[in-house]
Protein backbone atom coordinates (compact mmCIF):
# COMPACT_ATOMS: atom_id res chain seq x y z
CA UNK A 1 -87.67 27.37 -4.93
CA UNK A 2 -85.49 31.04 -4.59
CA UNK A 3 -81.80 30.14 -5.11
CA UNK A 4 -79.52 30.36 -1.47
CA UNK A 5 -77.78 33.34 -1.57
CA UNK A 6 -76.47 33.11 2.61
CA UNK A 7 -74.37 30.79 3.79
CA UNK A 8 -75.54 31.73 7.89
CA UNK A 9 -73.49 28.99 9.84
CA UNK A 10 -69.99 28.43 10.30
CA UNK A 11 -68.46 27.62 7.42
CA UNK A 12 -70.49 27.42 4.31
CA UNK A 13 -70.17 25.28 1.11
CA UNK A 14 -67.92 27.06 -0.64
CA UNK A 15 -66.98 25.96 -4.63
CA UNK A 16 -64.75 28.27 -6.33
CA UNK A 17 -67.44 29.96 -8.81
CA UNK A 18 -69.98 30.75 -5.71
CA UNK A 19 -66.91 32.12 -4.32
CA UNK A 20 -66.39 34.76 -7.25
CA UNK A 21 -69.87 35.19 -7.97
CA UNK A 22 -71.58 36.15 -4.06
CA UNK A 23 -71.36 39.38 -3.52
CA UNK A 24 -70.74 40.63 -6.91
CA UNK A 25 -73.27 43.56 -6.11
CA UNK A 26 -72.12 44.22 -2.43
CA UNK A 27 -74.76 45.77 -0.45
CA UNK A 28 -74.95 48.72 1.33
CA UNK A 29 -74.65 47.51 4.97
CA UNK A 30 -72.41 49.17 7.60
CA UNK A 31 -72.06 46.16 9.82
CA UNK A 32 -69.98 44.95 6.85
CA UNK A 33 -67.62 47.70 8.21
CA UNK A 34 -65.38 47.32 10.77
CA UNK A 35 -66.95 48.44 13.83
CA UNK A 36 -63.15 50.13 15.54
CA UNK A 37 -64.00 48.61 18.43
CA UNK A 38 -63.83 44.18 17.74
CA UNK A 39 -63.70 41.79 20.53
CA UNK A 40 -60.28 41.11 21.27
CA UNK A 41 -58.03 38.32 23.35
CA UNK A 42 -58.64 39.05 27.11
CA UNK A 43 -55.88 41.16 29.03
CA UNK A 44 -52.86 39.17 30.58
CA UNK A 45 -53.84 39.38 34.07
CA UNK A 46 -57.37 39.58 33.88
CA UNK A 47 -59.62 38.26 36.01
CA UNK A 48 -61.93 36.43 34.27
CA UNK A 49 -65.04 38.42 36.07
CA UNK A 50 -63.68 41.10 35.10
CA UNK A 51 -63.56 39.86 31.08
CA UNK A 52 -67.14 39.32 31.49
CA UNK A 53 -68.09 42.48 32.65
CA UNK A 54 -65.34 44.62 30.37
CA UNK A 55 -66.85 42.28 27.54
CA UNK A 56 -70.75 42.88 28.04
CA UNK A 57 -70.07 46.99 28.16
CA UNK A 58 -68.18 46.57 25.17
CA UNK A 59 -70.68 44.93 22.95
CA UNK A 60 -73.05 47.04 23.88
CA UNK A 61 -71.36 50.40 23.10
CA UNK A 62 -70.72 49.16 20.20
CA UNK A 63 -74.27 47.52 18.97
CA UNK A 64 -76.10 50.50 20.39
CA UNK A 65 -73.32 53.18 18.25
CA UNK A 66 -73.16 50.60 15.35
CA UNK A 67 -76.73 49.43 15.05
CA UNK A 68 -79.43 50.34 17.40
CA UNK A 69 -78.37 54.27 17.15
CA UNK A 70 -78.54 53.59 13.18
CA UNK A 71 -81.24 51.52 12.49
CA UNK A 72 -85.09 50.92 13.26
CA UNK A 73 -85.68 47.61 14.83
CA UNK A 74 -82.19 46.58 13.78
CA UNK A 75 -83.19 42.80 15.40
CA UNK A 76 -86.17 43.05 15.11
CA UNK A 77 -88.65 43.36 17.99
CA UNK A 78 -85.59 41.72 20.20
CA UNK A 79 -83.96 44.58 22.48
CA UNK A 80 -80.54 45.90 23.11
CA UNK A 81 -80.42 44.27 26.92
CA UNK A 82 -81.91 41.11 25.25
CA UNK A 83 -79.26 40.88 22.30
CA UNK A 84 -76.48 41.76 24.90
CA UNK A 85 -77.23 38.76 26.91
CA UNK A 86 -77.26 36.43 24.28
CA UNK A 87 -74.23 36.90 23.07
CA UNK A 88 -72.16 38.17 25.62
CA UNK A 89 -69.35 35.71 27.89
CA UNK A 90 -70.60 34.82 31.03
CA UNK A 91 -69.54 33.25 34.51
CA UNK A 92 -72.55 31.20 36.50
CA UNK A 93 -71.94 29.67 39.72
CA UNK A 94 -73.38 26.46 41.88
CA UNK A 95 -76.81 27.29 41.96
CA UNK A 96 -77.39 27.79 45.67
CA UNK A 97 -79.53 26.11 47.70
CA UNK A 98 -79.56 22.98 45.12
CA UNK A 99 -75.88 22.86 45.78
CA UNK A 100 -75.13 21.01 48.60
CA UNK A 101 -71.13 21.10 49.41
CA UNK A 102 -70.90 17.87 51.00
CA UNK A 103 -71.97 16.32 47.52
CA UNK A 104 -69.23 14.37 45.06
CA UNK A 105 -68.35 15.46 41.74
CA UNK A 106 -71.56 13.41 40.79
CA UNK A 107 -73.54 16.71 41.81
CA UNK A 108 -70.78 18.95 39.81
CA UNK A 109 -68.63 19.73 43.08
CA UNK A 110 -65.04 20.48 41.32
CA UNK A 111 -66.02 20.40 37.85
CA UNK A 112 -66.36 23.66 35.42
CA UNK A 113 -67.29 23.76 31.93
CA UNK A 114 -66.15 25.65 29.23
CA UNK A 115 -68.08 26.96 26.51
CA UNK A 116 -67.08 27.57 23.52
CA UNK A 117 -69.17 28.65 20.07
CA UNK A 118 -69.27 28.53 16.67
CA UNK A 119 -68.14 30.90 14.02
CA UNK A 120 -70.25 33.15 13.26
CA UNK A 121 -72.11 32.73 16.48
CA UNK A 122 -72.76 33.62 20.34
CA UNK A 123 -72.36 31.58 23.10
CA UNK A 124 -76.10 31.54 23.65
CA UNK A 125 -76.22 29.34 20.48
CA UNK A 126 -74.91 26.55 23.21
CA UNK A 127 -77.08 27.96 25.89
CA UNK A 128 -80.02 25.37 26.55
CA UNK A 129 -77.36 22.55 26.53
CA UNK A 130 -75.73 24.55 29.60
CA UNK A 131 -78.97 25.62 31.01
CA UNK A 132 -79.85 21.79 30.99
CA UNK A 133 -76.28 20.55 32.29
CA UNK A 134 -76.83 23.18 35.17
CA UNK A 135 -80.25 21.44 36.82
CA UNK A 136 -78.10 18.51 36.97
CA UNK A 137 -74.42 19.30 37.88
CA UNK A 138 -75.76 22.45 40.42
CA UNK A 139 -72.49 22.26 42.11
CA UNK A 140 -70.40 22.94 38.70
CA UNK A 141 -69.20 26.40 37.52
CA UNK A 142 -69.27 27.38 33.52
CA UNK A 143 -67.65 29.51 32.05
CA UNK A 144 -68.52 30.74 28.69
CA UNK A 145 -66.19 33.26 26.36
CA UNK A 146 -66.76 35.23 23.52
CA UNK A 147 -64.59 35.00 20.40
CA UNK A 148 -62.63 37.55 19.43
CA UNK A 149 -63.78 39.57 15.84
CA UNK A 150 -67.95 37.72 17.47
CA UNK A 151 -70.40 39.46 19.17
CA UNK A 152 -70.43 43.28 17.61
CA UNK A 153 -71.00 43.45 13.88
CA UNK A 154 -69.77 40.99 10.91
CA UNK A 155 -67.33 43.58 9.57
CA UNK A 156 -64.60 43.05 12.82
CA UNK A 157 -64.51 39.21 11.22
CA UNK A 158 -62.68 40.20 8.17
CA UNK A 159 -59.72 41.01 10.21
CA UNK A 160 -58.98 38.50 12.73
CA UNK A 161 -57.15 35.58 13.26
CA UNK A 162 -57.62 31.81 14.57
CA UNK A 163 -54.57 32.11 17.12
CA UNK A 164 -56.79 35.04 18.82
CA UNK A 165 -59.44 32.35 19.26
CA UNK A 166 -56.91 29.94 20.33
CA UNK A 167 -55.46 32.18 23.10
CA UNK A 168 -59.55 33.06 24.38
CA UNK A 169 -59.84 29.14 24.84
CA UNK A 170 -56.78 29.07 26.66
CA UNK A 171 -57.61 32.19 28.70
CA UNK A 172 -61.01 30.38 29.52
CA UNK A 173 -59.37 26.70 30.22
CA UNK A 174 -57.07 29.41 32.67
CA UNK A 175 -59.62 31.17 34.62
CA UNK A 176 -60.95 27.93 36.75
CA UNK A 177 -60.03 28.91 40.29
CA UNK A 178 -58.28 26.07 42.78
CA UNK A 179 -61.71 24.57 43.58
CA UNK A 180 -61.93 23.01 40.31
CA UNK A 181 -59.91 19.80 39.95
CA UNK A 182 -62.25 18.80 36.49
CA UNK A 183 -62.48 20.95 33.51
CA UNK A 184 -64.66 20.20 30.48
CA UNK A 185 -64.63 21.85 27.74
CA UNK A 186 -67.88 21.66 25.58
CA UNK A 187 -67.27 23.53 22.18
CA UNK A 188 -69.99 23.63 18.87
CA UNK A 189 -68.40 23.92 15.55
CA UNK A 190 -65.94 25.53 14.92
CA UNK A 191 -65.62 26.12 19.28
CA UNK A 192 -65.09 21.99 19.12
CA UNK A 193 -62.24 22.51 16.63
CA UNK A 194 -60.85 24.74 19.12
CA UNK A 195 -61.18 22.94 22.43
CA UNK A 196 -59.42 19.78 20.45
CA UNK A 197 -56.35 21.73 19.33
CA UNK A 198 -55.79 23.73 23.00
CA UNK A 199 -56.52 20.13 24.78
CA UNK A 200 -53.80 18.59 22.46
CA UNK A 201 -50.87 21.54 22.73
CA UNK A 202 -51.71 21.10 27.02
CA UNK A 203 -48.45 19.70 28.80
CA UNK A 204 -50.34 18.99 31.53
CA UNK A 205 -54.30 17.30 30.95
CA UNK A 206 -54.86 15.97 34.49
CA UNK A 207 -57.24 18.53 35.03
CA UNK A 208 -59.17 18.13 31.67
CA UNK A 209 -61.74 15.27 32.61
CA UNK A 210 -63.59 15.22 29.25
CA UNK A 211 -64.46 17.14 25.54
CA UNK A 212 -67.77 17.88 24.17
CA UNK A 213 -67.33 18.43 20.77
CA UNK A 214 -70.83 18.80 19.27
CA UNK A 215 -71.27 19.66 14.88
CA UNK A 216 -67.56 19.79 15.40
CA UNK A 217 -65.83 21.40 12.82
CA UNK A 218 -62.90 19.82 11.93
CA UNK A 219 -62.82 20.39 8.68
CA UNK A 220 -65.13 22.18 5.79
CA UNK A 221 -67.85 20.09 4.02
CA UNK A 222 -66.17 21.94 1.03
CA UNK A 223 -63.25 20.10 -0.72
CA UNK A 224 -62.71 23.52 -2.16
CA UNK A 225 -62.20 25.60 1.53
CA UNK A 226 -57.95 25.02 0.48
CA UNK A 227 -59.15 28.16 -1.42
CA UNK A 228 -59.98 30.92 1.13
CA UNK A 229 -56.90 31.50 2.18
CA UNK A 230 -56.16 33.35 -1.83
CA UNK A 231 -59.71 34.26 -1.97
CA UNK A 232 -59.64 36.65 0.89
CA UNK A 233 -56.94 38.72 -0.88
CA UNK A 234 -59.71 39.69 -3.63
CA UNK A 235 -62.23 39.09 -2.16
CA UNK A 236 -64.34 39.96 1.65
CA UNK A 237 -67.14 38.16 1.40
CA UNK A 238 -68.55 34.31 1.14
CA UNK A 239 -71.94 35.77 1.23
CA UNK A 240 -73.70 38.50 2.41
CA UNK A 241 -77.25 37.93 4.01
CA UNK A 242 -79.78 40.25 6.80
CA UNK A 243 -78.20 40.76 9.68
CA UNK A 244 -80.89 40.62 12.03
CA UNK A 245 -80.69 37.69 13.94
CA UNK A 246 -79.69 38.43 17.84
CA UNK A 247 -77.74 35.38 18.51
CA UNK A 248 -75.52 35.44 15.64
CA UNK A 249 -74.56 36.79 12.10
CA UNK A 250 -75.93 36.73 8.86
CA UNK A 251 -72.80 37.69 6.72
CA UNK A 252 -69.53 35.40 6.31
CA UNK A 253 -66.78 36.78 5.83
CA UNK A 254 -64.01 35.20 3.29
CA UNK A 255 -61.29 35.82 6.26
CA UNK A 256 -63.07 34.60 8.76
CA UNK A 257 -63.40 31.11 5.92
CA UNK A 258 -60.21 31.19 5.79
CA UNK A 259 -58.92 31.58 9.48
CA UNK A 260 -61.01 28.19 10.00
CA UNK A 261 -59.54 26.19 7.17
CA UNK A 262 -56.82 27.30 8.50
CA UNK A 263 -57.40 25.84 12.01
CA UNK A 264 -57.90 22.60 11.59
CA UNK A 265 -55.33 21.38 8.55
CA UNK A 266 -54.34 19.38 11.50
CA UNK A 267 -57.36 17.69 12.02
CA UNK A 268 -57.19 16.77 7.62
CA UNK A 269 -53.49 16.02 7.80
CA UNK A 270 -53.58 14.03 10.93
CA UNK A 271 -50.60 15.55 12.77
CA UNK A 272 -52.36 16.35 16.15
CA UNK A 273 -51.45 13.75 18.55
CA UNK A 274 -53.97 10.82 19.64
CA UNK A 275 -56.65 11.95 22.37
CA UNK A 276 -56.35 10.07 25.37
CA UNK A 277 -59.62 11.51 26.99
CA UNK A 278 -63.35 10.69 27.12
CA UNK A 279 -64.54 12.09 23.99
CA UNK A 280 -68.83 12.94 23.25
CA UNK A 281 -69.84 13.73 20.06
CA UNK A 282 -72.59 14.39 18.10
CA UNK A 283 -72.76 15.12 14.83
CA UNK A 284 -75.47 14.34 11.98
CA UNK A 285 -74.63 12.86 8.45
CA UNK A 286 -76.89 15.71 6.36
CA UNK A 287 -74.54 18.14 7.95
CA UNK A 288 -74.05 20.84 4.54
CA UNK A 289 -71.20 23.20 6.71
CA UNK A 290 -68.26 20.42 8.49
CA UNK A 291 -67.17 17.18 6.98
CA UNK A 292 -69.12 14.24 9.15
CA UNK A 293 -66.87 12.24 8.14
CA UNK A 294 -64.28 13.24 9.11
CA UNK A 295 -65.82 13.39 12.49
CA UNK A 296 -66.56 9.71 12.32
CA UNK A 297 -62.93 9.06 11.35
CA UNK A 298 -61.28 10.97 14.01
CA UNK A 299 -63.63 9.86 16.73
CA UNK A 300 -62.62 6.44 15.49
CA UNK A 301 -59.01 6.33 15.00
CA UNK A 302 -57.16 9.30 16.99
CA UNK A 303 -60.00 9.13 20.42
CA UNK A 304 -57.85 6.42 21.93
CA UNK A 305 -59.75 6.78 25.44
CA UNK A 306 -61.56 3.52 26.54
CA UNK A 307 -64.71 5.63 26.92
CA UNK A 308 -65.98 7.95 24.00
CA UNK A 309 -69.88 8.20 22.57
CA UNK A 310 -70.47 9.87 19.49
CA UNK A 311 -74.09 10.51 18.58
CA UNK A 312 -74.37 9.94 14.79
CA UNK A 313 -77.68 11.33 13.30
CA UNK A 314 -78.57 9.60 10.61
CA UNK A 315 -80.75 11.89 7.88
CA UNK A 316 -80.90 11.49 3.77
CA UNK A 317 -77.75 11.04 2.64
CA UNK A 318 -76.12 7.24 3.32
CA UNK A 319 -71.98 7.33 4.94
CA UNK A 320 -69.44 7.06 1.89
CA UNK A 321 -67.82 4.02 1.14
CA UNK A 322 -64.86 4.11 3.48
CA UNK A 323 -66.08 5.90 6.08
CA UNK A 324 -65.01 4.45 9.36
CA UNK A 325 -66.83 2.85 11.80
CA UNK A 326 -66.30 1.49 15.50
CA UNK A 327 -68.72 0.30 18.65
CA UNK A 328 -69.26 3.16 20.10
CA UNK A 329 -70.91 5.10 17.44
CA UNK A 330 -74.33 5.43 18.42
CA UNK A 331 -76.64 5.97 15.33
CA UNK A 332 -80.16 7.63 15.85
CA UNK A 333 -82.78 8.49 13.04
CA UNK A 334 -82.87 11.81 12.58
CA UNK A 335 -86.64 12.32 11.09
CA UNK A 336 -89.00 13.60 13.86
CA UNK A 337 -93.04 13.43 11.95
CA UNK A 338 -94.19 15.02 15.88
CA UNK A 339 -91.62 18.07 15.24
CA UNK A 340 -91.66 18.12 11.93
CA UNK A 341 -88.14 17.55 11.37
CA UNK A 342 -86.80 15.85 8.15
CA UNK A 343 -83.33 15.81 9.15
CA UNK A 344 -80.48 17.04 11.11
CA UNK A 345 -78.83 20.35 9.89
CA UNK A 346 -75.55 21.84 11.42
CA UNK A 347 -77.47 24.22 13.50
CA UNK A 348 -79.76 21.94 14.63
CA UNK A 349 -77.87 19.85 17.01
CA UNK A 350 -77.69 22.31 20.61
CA UNK A 351 -80.96 23.85 20.94
CA UNK A 352 -84.04 22.60 22.59
CA UNK A 353 -87.30 22.38 20.45
CA UNK A 354 -88.56 24.59 23.12
CA UNK A 355 -86.15 27.46 22.98
CA UNK A 356 -87.70 30.98 22.83
CA UNK A 357 -85.28 32.58 19.61
CA UNK A 358 -84.17 28.90 17.78
CA UNK A 359 -87.41 26.32 19.05
CA UNK A 360 -89.79 24.79 17.22
CA UNK A 361 -92.41 28.03 17.88
CA UNK A 362 -89.27 30.22 18.51
CA UNK A 363 -89.05 33.73 16.96
CA UNK A 364 -86.17 33.94 14.49
CA UNK A 365 -86.50 31.06 11.75
CA UNK A 366 -84.06 30.62 9.59
CA UNK A 367 -85.47 31.72 6.12
CA UNK A 368 -82.34 33.43 4.37
CA UNK A 369 -82.10 30.53 1.75
CA UNK A 370 -85.65 32.23 0.15
CA UNK A 371 -85.30 35.30 -1.76
CA UNK A 372 -87.91 38.20 -1.16
CA UNK A 373 -91.28 37.25 -1.53
CA UNK A 374 -94.37 34.74 -0.99
CA UNK A 375 -91.72 32.07 -0.76
CA UNK A 376 -90.12 33.51 2.45
CA UNK A 377 -93.32 35.14 3.88
CA UNK A 378 -94.47 31.73 4.01
CA UNK A 379 -91.59 30.21 5.33
CA UNK A 380 -91.02 33.36 8.05
CA UNK A 381 -94.48 33.00 8.84
CA UNK A 382 -95.93 29.15 8.37
CA UNK A 383 -97.23 26.80 10.81
CA UNK A 384 -97.23 23.92 8.34
CA UNK A 385 -93.67 24.46 7.34
CA UNK A 386 -90.92 21.40 7.78
CA UNK A 387 -87.16 21.80 9.10
CA UNK A 388 -83.85 20.19 7.34
CA UNK A 389 -80.91 21.17 6.41
CA UNK A 390 -79.29 22.86 3.09
CA UNK A 391 -79.07 19.33 0.48
CA UNK A 392 -83.04 18.92 1.21
CA UNK A 393 -84.04 22.51 -0.35
CA UNK A 394 -83.97 22.24 -3.81
CA UNK A 395 -86.24 19.60 -3.92
CA UNK A 396 -88.79 20.95 -1.32
CA UNK A 397 -91.82 23.25 -2.36
CA UNK A 398 -90.56 27.13 -1.91
CA UNK A 399 -91.84 28.47 1.24
CA UNK A 400 -92.14 25.13 3.21
CA UNK A 401 -88.64 24.57 4.56
CA UNK A 402 -86.83 26.50 7.13
CA UNK A 403 -83.24 25.47 8.24
CA UNK A 404 -83.57 23.42 11.35
CA UNK A 405 -82.16 25.08 14.14
CA UNK A 406 -83.51 22.98 17.54
CA UNK A 407 -82.72 19.10 18.10
CA UNK A 408 -85.95 17.18 17.98
CA UNK A 409 -83.95 14.40 20.09
CA UNK A 410 -82.75 17.12 22.62
CA UNK A 411 -83.67 15.26 25.57
CA UNK A 412 -82.23 12.08 24.71
CA UNK A 413 -78.70 13.99 23.39
CA UNK A 414 -78.95 15.29 27.12
CA UNK A 415 -79.83 12.01 28.93
CA UNK A 416 -77.13 10.15 27.51
CA UNK A 417 -74.63 13.29 27.88
CA UNK A 418 -75.15 13.79 30.85
CA UNK A 419 -74.50 9.92 31.68
CA UNK A 420 -71.25 10.19 29.76
CA UNK A 421 -70.31 13.06 32.05
CA UNK A 422 -71.27 11.22 35.21
CA UNK A 423 -69.61 8.32 34.55
CA UNK A 424 -66.46 10.11 33.63
CA UNK A 425 -66.64 12.03 36.86
CA UNK A 426 -66.49 8.77 38.68
CA UNK A 427 -63.65 6.92 36.82
CA UNK A 428 -61.47 9.72 37.59
């Protein structure tokens, strides 16, 4: 099997030797240079609609200039319009005729979902969950933000600060009008850490009805993550991969990894106050990007609300001795033979098997762990490949395994999430 060559989602495994060796021969890739027009914190006083429209235009301008005018098919068959649509923030209102103004909050009246993506990702990474929830809560409002440094080129993460990410989430929390009495922030990976940090600092938390935390990035998987704030001054990249995915970056800036570590330190040292708010979480025991054991500890010991629910997808790796356990952890087996899934990858939680880009038959398979050659081709084009997390790569036959980008239990997860949200709103 080819050796792993790129850490593609969130904060990757960061052993010191790999930090010093990865990317020693830099690629000549314009996407690794700053664009000169990175996504920034929204301007003070800007409306959310103006933020959405101006950011969409900025994405179009930057991507057209840096990628589409310089490269032939920089994202394969995906057009500029498609890439902008996937990466842009959005504001979605009630579903018109599907929403009866006389309905209660159980149909979404007065409810606003704030959707926050992860590191190197884009708003598309939570779009399947968003669309499913819109069908179940047709009167709700959905606001999705684009974090600073994202959406344009990976080079724009070389100079970004986690405080900018927090400020953008604060902007999102304050973006809902007076008609929204119940705000439910929903975050994936780094986005989960961000919504938790912003919730913990709020003095008036009455409008926050629940938190949805998916593959929560409360700490990196690697014990060497603390080195990243120092290594970034001598090394720009954790890993450099193909930047052809329309929905996310394929390269990870060391600065972004360092800012993730600094963002999540309060989760690791226990300095955050308790979370007296309903929390719904989902995590894989085999997650190779974030620390699932800390998620369990946070859920059992830091979330004090009587209403909480954690789906723990149990895969190949048994929980180590000392891992927290409590009555509200819902253990679900990861393997699904029908959908050719061996276990849940970090990147697999939020996507439906039917997703046109990242689903079972999606157009964007994750094969970045294979070097060029027959193994890569088989992974990209094979009809019998399996899906799993990085901990399975070294023992799988060449070309036989894609990193998971969809959740075989998506429907079951959404049913449980919906029941949780309905209960949280009913108890307000």
